[in-house]
């Protein structure tokens, strides 16, 4: 599995050759091997947080929320509204990442979109420095 380094989002799509990412199962990705540990799943029926309002406003369907690393690193399993790896969507995703970072108290987080087989690592390095890295994973077969 290859992980992409942070690039300006406008350049990301141009830097991806076909087949640039080798997919692995979700649990074998860097997200669960390196970035997140001691995750607990939240009850979506009772979960309230400013990030939920951002996702609702941006029409991001939430499937699961996990809090990891002592409750400071959320993993949002979602259905994103567009393809985050396609350059034409940069404006939408840059705005989404910035709004999510603000709503999350300027802490880093991850989106997992199982329908697309993509993980978006949003690294927040202050109120004006937000980087996005991407991994792909194998989408489990439907039964």
N, C-alpha and C. Protein backbone atom coordinates (compact mmCIF):
# COMPACT_ATOMS: atom_id res chain seq x y z
N UNK A 1 0.84 -1.17 0.00
CA UNK A 1 0.00 0.00 0.00
C UNK A 1 0.88 1.23 0.00
N UNK A 2 0.59 2.16 -0.86
CA UNK A 2 1.31 3.42 -0.90
C UNK A 2 0.44 4.49 -0.29
N UNK A 3 1.06 5.38 0.45
CA UNK A 3 0.36 6.51 1.01
C UNK A 3 0.85 7.77 0.32
N UNK A 4 -0.05 8.63 -0.02
CA UNK A 4 0.33 9.86 -0.67
C UNK A 4 0.78 10.88 0.35
N UNK A 5 1.76 11.65 0.00
CA UNK A 5 2.19 12.76 0.86
C UNK A 5 1.21 13.91 0.65
N UNK A 6 1.16 14.78 1.64
CA UNK A 6 0.28 15.94 1.53
C UNK A 6 0.71 16.82 0.36
N UNK A 7 -0.23 17.14 -0.48
CA UNK A 7 0.00 18.03 -1.61
C UNK A 7 -1.09 19.08 -1.58
N UNK A 8 -0.84 20.24 -2.16
CA UNK A 8 -1.96 21.16 -2.32
C UNK A 8 -3.06 20.43 -3.07
N UNK A 9 -4.28 20.58 -2.61
CA UNK A 9 -5.38 19.81 -3.17
C UNK A 9 -5.53 20.04 -4.67
N UNK A 10 -5.21 21.22 -5.15
CA UNK A 10 -5.34 21.48 -6.58
C UNK A 10 -4.36 20.66 -7.40
N UNK A 11 -3.23 20.26 -6.81
CA UNK A 11 -2.23 19.48 -7.53
C UNK A 11 -2.40 17.98 -7.36
N UNK A 12 -3.19 17.57 -6.38
CA UNK A 12 -3.30 16.16 -6.06
C UNK A 12 -3.75 15.32 -7.25
N UNK A 13 -4.83 15.71 -7.90
CA UNK A 13 -5.36 14.91 -9.01
C UNK A 13 -4.36 14.82 -10.16
N UNK A 14 -3.59 15.86 -10.36
CA UNK A 14 -2.60 15.83 -11.43
C UNK A 14 -1.44 14.89 -11.11
N UNK A 15 -1.21 14.62 -9.83
CA UNK A 15 -0.06 13.81 -9.44
C UNK A 15 -0.37 12.33 -9.35
N UNK A 16 -1.60 11.93 -9.58
CA UNK A 16 -1.99 10.54 -9.42
C UNK A 16 -2.00 9.79 -10.74
N UNK A 17 -1.00 8.97 -10.99
CA UNK A 17 -1.09 8.12 -12.17
C UNK A 17 -2.13 7.03 -11.95
N UNK A 18 -2.63 6.46 -13.03
CA UNK A 18 -3.60 5.38 -12.91
C UNK A 18 -3.01 4.26 -12.06
N UNK A 19 -3.78 3.77 -11.10
CA UNK A 19 -3.33 2.68 -10.24
C UNK A 19 -2.28 3.12 -9.23
N UNK A 20 -2.26 4.41 -8.88
CA UNK A 20 -1.23 4.91 -7.98
C UNK A 20 -1.35 4.36 -6.57
N UNK A 21 -2.52 3.98 -6.20
CA UNK A 21 -2.73 3.48 -4.85
C UNK A 21 -3.03 1.99 -4.90
N UNK A 22 -2.31 1.22 -4.09
CA UNK A 22 -2.59 -0.20 -3.98
C UNK A 22 -3.53 -0.39 -2.80
N UNK A 23 -4.68 -0.95 -3.03
CA UNK A 23 -5.69 -1.06 -2.00
C UNK A 23 -5.45 -2.27 -1.10
N UNK A 24 -5.80 -2.11 0.16
CA UNK A 24 -5.74 -3.15 1.18
C UNK A 24 -7.06 -3.12 1.93
N UNK A 25 -7.33 -4.12 2.75
CA UNK A 25 -8.54 -4.03 3.57
C UNK A 25 -8.46 -2.83 4.51
N UNK A 26 -9.60 -2.26 4.87
CA UNK A 26 -9.64 -1.07 5.71
C UNK A 26 -8.83 -1.25 6.99
N UNK A 27 -8.99 -2.38 7.65
CA UNK A 27 -8.29 -2.59 8.93
C UNK A 27 -6.77 -2.70 8.78
N UNK A 28 -6.29 -2.87 7.56
CA UNK A 28 -4.84 -2.97 7.31
C UNK A 28 -4.24 -1.65 6.85
N UNK A 29 -5.05 -0.60 6.77
CA UNK A 29 -4.55 0.70 6.32
C UNK A 29 -3.82 1.41 7.45
N UNK A 30 -3.10 2.45 7.09
CA UNK A 30 -2.37 3.25 8.08
C UNK A 30 -3.32 3.86 9.11
N UNK A 31 -4.57 4.06 8.73
CA UNK A 31 -5.52 4.66 9.67
C UNK A 31 -5.60 3.84 10.95
N UNK A 32 -5.79 2.54 10.82
CA UNK A 32 -5.95 1.69 12.01
C UNK A 32 -4.64 1.07 12.49
N UNK A 33 -3.59 1.10 11.66
CA UNK A 33 -2.30 0.57 12.08
C UNK A 33 -1.42 1.63 12.74
N UNK A 34 -1.53 2.89 12.28
CA UNK A 34 -0.61 3.93 12.73
C UNK A 34 -1.27 5.14 13.36
N UNK A 35 -2.36 5.60 12.79
CA UNK A 35 -2.94 6.88 13.22
C UNK A 35 -3.89 6.77 14.40
N UNK A 36 -4.69 5.72 14.44
CA UNK A 36 -5.76 5.64 15.44
C UNK A 36 -5.60 4.39 16.29
N UNK A 37 -5.84 4.57 17.59
CA UNK A 37 -5.84 3.41 18.49
C UNK A 37 -6.90 3.62 19.56
N UNK A 38 -7.26 2.53 20.19
CA UNK A 38 -8.28 2.56 21.26
C UNK A 38 -9.54 3.31 20.83
N UNK A 39 -10.10 2.90 19.69
CA UNK A 39 -11.29 3.55 19.15
C UNK A 39 -12.55 3.00 19.80
N UNK A 40 -13.49 3.88 20.01
CA UNK A 40 -14.82 3.46 20.49
C UNK A 40 -15.87 4.10 19.60
N UNK A 41 -16.87 3.29 19.27
CA UNK A 41 -17.95 3.74 18.39
C UNK A 41 -19.00 4.48 19.20
N UNK A 42 -19.42 5.62 18.70
CA UNK A 42 -20.44 6.43 19.38
C UNK A 42 -21.83 6.04 18.89
N UNK A 43 -22.81 6.25 19.74
CA UNK A 43 -24.20 5.99 19.40
C UNK A 43 -24.73 7.18 18.60
N UNK A 44 -25.01 6.97 17.33
CA UNK A 44 -25.47 8.07 16.48
C UNK A 44 -26.83 8.62 16.90
N UNK A 45 -27.60 7.83 17.61
CA UNK A 45 -28.92 8.30 18.07
C UNK A 45 -28.79 9.42 19.10
N UNK A 46 -27.71 9.37 19.89
CA UNK A 46 -27.55 10.35 20.96
C UNK A 46 -26.38 11.30 20.74
N UNK A 47 -25.57 11.05 19.72
CA UNK A 47 -24.37 11.85 19.49
C UNK A 47 -24.73 13.24 18.97
N UNK A 48 -24.24 14.24 19.67
CA UNK A 48 -24.38 15.63 19.23
C UNK A 48 -23.00 16.26 19.26
N UNK A 49 -22.68 16.98 18.21
CA UNK A 49 -21.38 17.65 18.12
C UNK A 49 -21.47 18.63 16.96
N UNK A 50 -20.74 19.73 17.00
CA UNK A 50 -20.78 20.69 15.90
C UNK A 50 -20.40 20.10 14.54
N UNK A 51 -19.58 19.07 14.51
CA UNK A 51 -19.22 18.44 13.24
C UNK A 51 -20.43 17.80 12.57
N UNK A 52 -21.35 17.33 13.37
CA UNK A 52 -22.56 16.71 12.81
C UNK A 52 -23.36 17.74 12.01
N UNK A 53 -23.47 18.95 12.56
CA UNK A 53 -24.19 20.01 11.85
C UNK A 53 -23.51 20.37 10.54
N UNK A 54 -22.18 20.39 10.53
CA UNK A 54 -21.44 20.68 9.29
C UNK A 54 -21.74 19.61 8.26
N UNK A 55 -21.65 18.34 8.67
CA UNK A 55 -21.90 17.25 7.71
C UNK A 55 -23.35 17.27 7.22
N UNK A 56 -24.28 17.57 8.07
CA UNK A 56 -25.68 17.64 7.64
C UNK A 56 -25.85 18.75 6.62
N UNK A 57 -25.27 19.92 6.90
CA UNK A 57 -25.38 21.06 5.99
C UNK A 57 -24.72 20.77 4.64
N UNK A 58 -23.64 20.01 4.64
CA UNK A 58 -22.91 19.67 3.41
C UNK A 58 -23.43 18.38 2.76
N UNK A 59 -24.49 17.83 3.29
CA UNK A 59 -25.13 16.61 2.77
C UNK A 59 -24.18 15.41 2.73
N UNK A 60 -23.42 15.25 3.81
CA UNK A 60 -22.56 14.09 3.99
C UNK A 60 -23.33 13.12 4.88
N UNK A 61 -23.61 11.92 4.38
CA UNK A 61 -24.34 10.92 5.15
C UNK A 61 -23.40 10.25 6.14
N UNK A 62 -23.77 10.26 7.41
CA UNK A 62 -22.94 9.69 8.47
C UNK A 62 -23.40 8.26 8.74
N UNK A 63 -22.47 7.31 8.68
CA UNK A 63 -22.78 5.92 8.97
C UNK A 63 -22.27 5.49 10.34
N UNK A 64 -21.11 6.04 10.72
CA UNK A 64 -20.51 5.65 12.01
C UNK A 64 -19.52 6.73 12.42
N UNK A 65 -19.40 6.94 13.74
CA UNK A 65 -18.40 7.86 14.28
C UNK A 65 -17.64 7.11 15.36
N UNK A 66 -16.30 7.14 15.24
CA UNK A 66 -15.44 6.54 16.24
C UNK A 66 -14.57 7.63 16.85
N UNK A 67 -14.36 7.57 18.15
CA UNK A 67 -13.41 8.44 18.82
C UNK A 67 -12.20 7.61 19.19
N UNK A 68 -11.03 8.07 18.81
CA UNK A 68 -9.80 7.32 19.01
C UNK A 68 -8.77 8.20 19.73
N UNK A 69 -7.67 7.57 20.11
CA UNK A 69 -6.53 8.28 20.70
C UNK A 69 -6.96 9.14 21.91
N UNK A 70 -7.63 8.51 22.84
CA UNK A 70 -8.05 9.23 24.03
C UNK A 70 -9.21 10.18 23.78
N UNK A 71 -9.97 9.94 22.73
CA UNK A 71 -11.15 10.75 22.44
C UNK A 71 -10.88 12.02 21.67
N UNK A 72 -9.66 12.18 21.11
CA UNK A 72 -9.35 13.42 20.41
C UNK A 72 -9.22 13.26 18.90
N UNK A 73 -9.30 12.04 18.38
CA UNK A 73 -9.17 11.82 16.94
C UNK A 73 -10.41 11.09 16.44
N UNK A 74 -11.34 11.83 15.83
CA UNK A 74 -12.54 11.17 15.32
C UNK A 74 -12.32 10.58 13.92
N UNK A 75 -12.95 9.44 13.72
CA UNK A 75 -13.02 8.83 12.40
C UNK A 75 -14.49 8.82 12.01
N UNK A 76 -14.81 9.52 10.94
CA UNK A 76 -16.18 9.62 10.46
C UNK A 76 -16.34 8.68 9.28
N UNK A 77 -17.11 7.62 9.44
CA UNK A 77 -17.44 6.72 8.33
C UNK A 77 -18.68 7.30 7.68
N UNK A 78 -18.54 7.70 6.43
CA UNK A 78 -19.56 8.52 5.77
C UNK A 78 -19.73 8.11 4.31
N UNK A 79 -20.74 8.69 3.69
CA UNK A 79 -20.88 8.67 2.24
C UNK A 79 -20.66 10.11 1.79
N UNK A 80 -19.49 10.36 1.22
CA UNK A 80 -19.17 11.71 0.76
C UNK A 80 -20.01 12.06 -0.46
N UNK A 81 -20.26 13.32 -0.64
CA UNK A 81 -21.11 13.79 -1.73
C UNK A 81 -20.44 13.74 -3.09
N UNK A 82 -19.14 13.70 -3.11
CA UNK A 82 -18.40 13.66 -4.37
C UNK A 82 -17.13 12.87 -4.18
N UNK A 83 -16.37 12.77 -5.24
CA UNK A 83 -15.11 12.04 -5.21
C UNK A 83 -14.00 12.97 -4.74
N UNK A 84 -13.40 12.71 -3.58
CA UNK A 84 -12.38 13.64 -3.06
C UNK A 84 -11.07 13.63 -3.85
N UNK A 85 -10.83 12.62 -4.67
CA UNK A 85 -9.58 12.54 -5.43
C UNK A 85 -9.66 13.21 -6.79
N UNK A 86 -10.82 13.75 -7.14
CA UNK A 86 -11.00 14.38 -8.45
C UNK A 86 -10.85 15.89 -8.28
N UNK A 87 -9.94 16.45 -9.03
CA UNK A 87 -9.56 17.85 -8.88
C UNK A 87 -10.74 18.82 -8.99
N UNK A 88 -11.69 18.54 -9.83
CA UNK A 88 -12.81 19.45 -10.01
C UNK A 88 -13.60 19.66 -8.71
N UNK A 89 -13.46 18.74 -7.77
CA UNK A 89 -14.19 18.83 -6.49
C UNK A 89 -13.38 19.52 -5.39
N UNK A 90 -12.20 20.02 -5.69
CA UNK A 90 -11.34 20.63 -4.68
C UNK A 90 -12.02 21.75 -3.90
N UNK A 91 -12.73 22.61 -4.58
CA UNK A 91 -13.37 23.75 -3.90
C UNK A 91 -14.34 23.26 -2.82
N UNK A 92 -15.18 22.31 -3.18
CA UNK A 92 -16.13 21.76 -2.21
C UNK A 92 -15.40 21.11 -1.04
N UNK A 93 -14.42 20.25 -1.34
CA UNK A 93 -13.74 19.52 -0.26
C UNK A 93 -12.86 20.43 0.59
N UNK A 94 -12.21 21.41 0.01
CA UNK A 94 -11.42 22.35 0.82
C UNK A 94 -12.31 23.08 1.82
N UNK A 95 -13.47 23.50 1.36
CA UNK A 95 -14.42 24.18 2.25
C UNK A 95 -14.93 23.22 3.34
N UNK A 96 -15.26 21.99 2.94
CA UNK A 96 -15.72 21.00 3.91
C UNK A 96 -14.66 20.73 4.97
N UNK A 97 -13.41 20.51 4.55
CA UNK A 97 -12.34 20.23 5.51
C UNK A 97 -12.14 21.40 6.47
N UNK A 98 -12.18 22.63 5.96
CA UNK A 98 -12.00 23.80 6.82
C UNK A 98 -13.15 23.94 7.82
N UNK A 99 -14.38 23.74 7.37
CA UNK A 99 -15.53 23.82 8.28
C UNK A 99 -15.50 22.71 9.33
N UNK A 100 -15.11 21.52 8.90
CA UNK A 100 -15.00 20.40 9.85
C UNK A 100 -13.90 20.65 10.87
N UNK A 101 -12.76 21.19 10.43
CA UNK A 101 -11.66 21.48 11.35
C UNK A 101 -12.10 22.49 12.40
N UNK A 102 -12.77 23.54 11.97
CA UNK A 102 -13.25 24.54 12.93
C UNK A 102 -14.25 23.94 13.91
N UNK A 103 -15.19 23.15 13.39
CA UNK A 103 -16.20 22.53 14.25
C UNK A 103 -15.59 21.50 15.19
N UNK A 104 -14.46 20.94 14.80
CA UNK A 104 -13.78 19.92 15.62
C UNK A 104 -12.72 20.55 16.53
N UNK A 105 -12.78 21.83 16.73
CA UNK A 105 -11.85 22.49 17.64
C UNK A 105 -10.43 22.53 17.13
N UNK A 106 -10.27 22.54 15.80
CA UNK A 106 -8.95 22.60 15.15
C UNK A 106 -8.10 21.38 15.49
N UNK A 107 -8.77 20.21 15.55
CA UNK A 107 -8.08 18.93 15.73
C UNK A 107 -8.20 18.13 14.44
N UNK A 108 -7.21 17.30 14.19
CA UNK A 108 -7.20 16.44 13.00
C UNK A 108 -8.30 15.38 13.10
N UNK A 109 -8.68 14.82 11.94
CA UNK A 109 -9.73 13.80 11.87
C UNK A 109 -9.58 13.04 10.56
N UNK A 110 -10.40 12.02 10.41
CA UNK A 110 -10.40 11.25 9.16
C UNK A 110 -11.82 10.98 8.71
N UNK A 111 -11.99 10.97 7.39
CA UNK A 111 -13.22 10.50 6.76
C UNK A 111 -12.91 9.14 6.14
N UNK A 112 -13.82 8.20 6.31
CA UNK A 112 -13.75 6.91 5.63
C UNK A 112 -15.03 6.80 4.81
N UNK A 113 -14.87 6.63 3.50
CA UNK A 113 -16.03 6.43 2.63
C UNK A 113 -15.96 5.01 2.07
N UNK A 114 -16.69 4.07 2.69
CA UNK A 114 -16.62 2.68 2.24
C UNK A 114 -17.21 2.46 0.85
N UNK A 115 -18.09 3.31 0.40
CA UNK A 115 -18.65 3.18 -0.94
C UNK A 115 -17.64 3.51 -2.02
N UNK A 116 -16.70 4.37 -1.72
CA UNK A 116 -15.66 4.77 -2.67
C UNK A 116 -14.33 4.07 -2.39
N UNK A 117 -14.21 3.46 -1.20
CA UNK A 117 -12.96 2.82 -0.83
C UNK A 117 -11.84 3.81 -0.60
N UNK A 118 -12.16 4.96 0.00
CA UNK A 118 -11.16 6.00 0.22
C UNK A 118 -11.18 6.48 1.67
N UNK A 119 -9.99 6.77 2.16
CA UNK A 119 -9.80 7.40 3.47
C UNK A 119 -9.20 8.77 3.22
N UNK A 120 -9.76 9.79 3.86
CA UNK A 120 -9.21 11.13 3.78
C UNK A 120 -8.69 11.47 5.17
N UNK A 121 -7.38 11.65 5.27
CA UNK A 121 -6.76 12.08 6.53
C UNK A 121 -6.67 13.60 6.47
N UNK A 122 -7.35 14.27 7.37
CA UNK A 122 -7.31 15.73 7.41
C UNK A 122 -6.45 16.12 8.61
N UNK A 123 -5.26 16.61 8.31
CA UNK A 123 -4.30 17.01 9.34
C UNK A 123 -4.42 18.52 9.53
N UNK A 124 -4.78 18.91 10.74
CA UNK A 124 -4.96 20.32 11.06
C UNK A 124 -3.70 20.79 11.80
N UNK A 125 -3.08 21.81 11.25
CA UNK A 125 -1.83 22.33 11.82
C UNK A 125 -2.00 23.80 12.16
N UNK A 126 -3.13 24.15 12.68
CA UNK A 126 -3.44 25.54 12.97
C UNK A 126 -4.69 25.95 12.23
N UNK A 127 -5.11 27.16 12.45
CA UNK A 127 -6.37 27.62 11.86
C UNK A 127 -6.28 27.89 10.37
N UNK A 128 -5.09 27.96 9.82
CA UNK A 128 -4.97 28.23 8.40
C UNK A 128 -4.22 27.14 7.65
N UNK A 129 -3.70 26.14 8.34
CA UNK A 129 -2.93 25.09 7.67
C UNK A 129 -3.64 23.75 7.82
N UNK A 130 -4.28 23.32 6.75
CA UNK A 130 -5.00 22.05 6.74
C UNK A 130 -4.49 21.27 5.54
N UNK A 131 -3.97 20.07 5.79
CA UNK A 131 -3.49 19.20 4.72
C UNK A 131 -4.38 17.97 4.64
N UNK A 132 -4.57 17.46 3.44
CA UNK A 132 -5.33 16.24 3.24
C UNK A 132 -4.45 15.20 2.57
N UNK A 133 -4.41 14.01 3.15
CA UNK A 133 -3.74 12.85 2.58
C UNK A 133 -4.82 11.81 2.29
N UNK A 134 -4.52 10.89 1.40
CA UNK A 134 -5.52 9.92 0.97
C UNK A 134 -4.94 8.52 0.95
N UNK A 135 -5.75 7.55 1.30
CA UNK A 135 -5.48 6.13 1.14
C UNK A 135 -6.68 5.52 0.46
N UNK A 136 -6.46 4.45 -0.24
CA UNK A 136 -7.57 3.65 -0.76
C UNK A 136 -7.56 2.32 -0.05
N UNK A 137 -8.72 1.70 0.04
CA UNK A 137 -8.82 0.37 0.62
C UNK A 137 -9.79 -0.46 -0.18
N UNK A 138 -9.66 -1.78 -0.04
CA UNK A 138 -10.56 -2.69 -0.75
C UNK A 138 -11.96 -2.54 -0.19
N UNK A 139 -12.90 -2.38 -1.09
CA UNK A 139 -14.30 -2.34 -0.69
C UNK A 139 -14.76 -3.77 -0.48
N UNK A 140 -15.29 -4.10 0.71
CA UNK A 140 -15.75 -5.46 0.93
C UNK A 140 -16.87 -5.81 -0.06
N UNK A 141 -16.87 -7.06 -0.55
CA UNK A 141 -17.94 -7.45 -1.49
C UNK A 141 -19.29 -7.42 -0.81
N UNK A 142 -20.31 -7.07 -1.57
CA UNK A 142 -21.67 -7.11 -1.04
C UNK A 142 -22.18 -8.53 -1.08
N UNK A 143 -22.99 -8.85 -0.11
CA UNK A 143 -23.50 -10.23 -0.02
C UNK A 143 -24.86 -10.36 -0.62
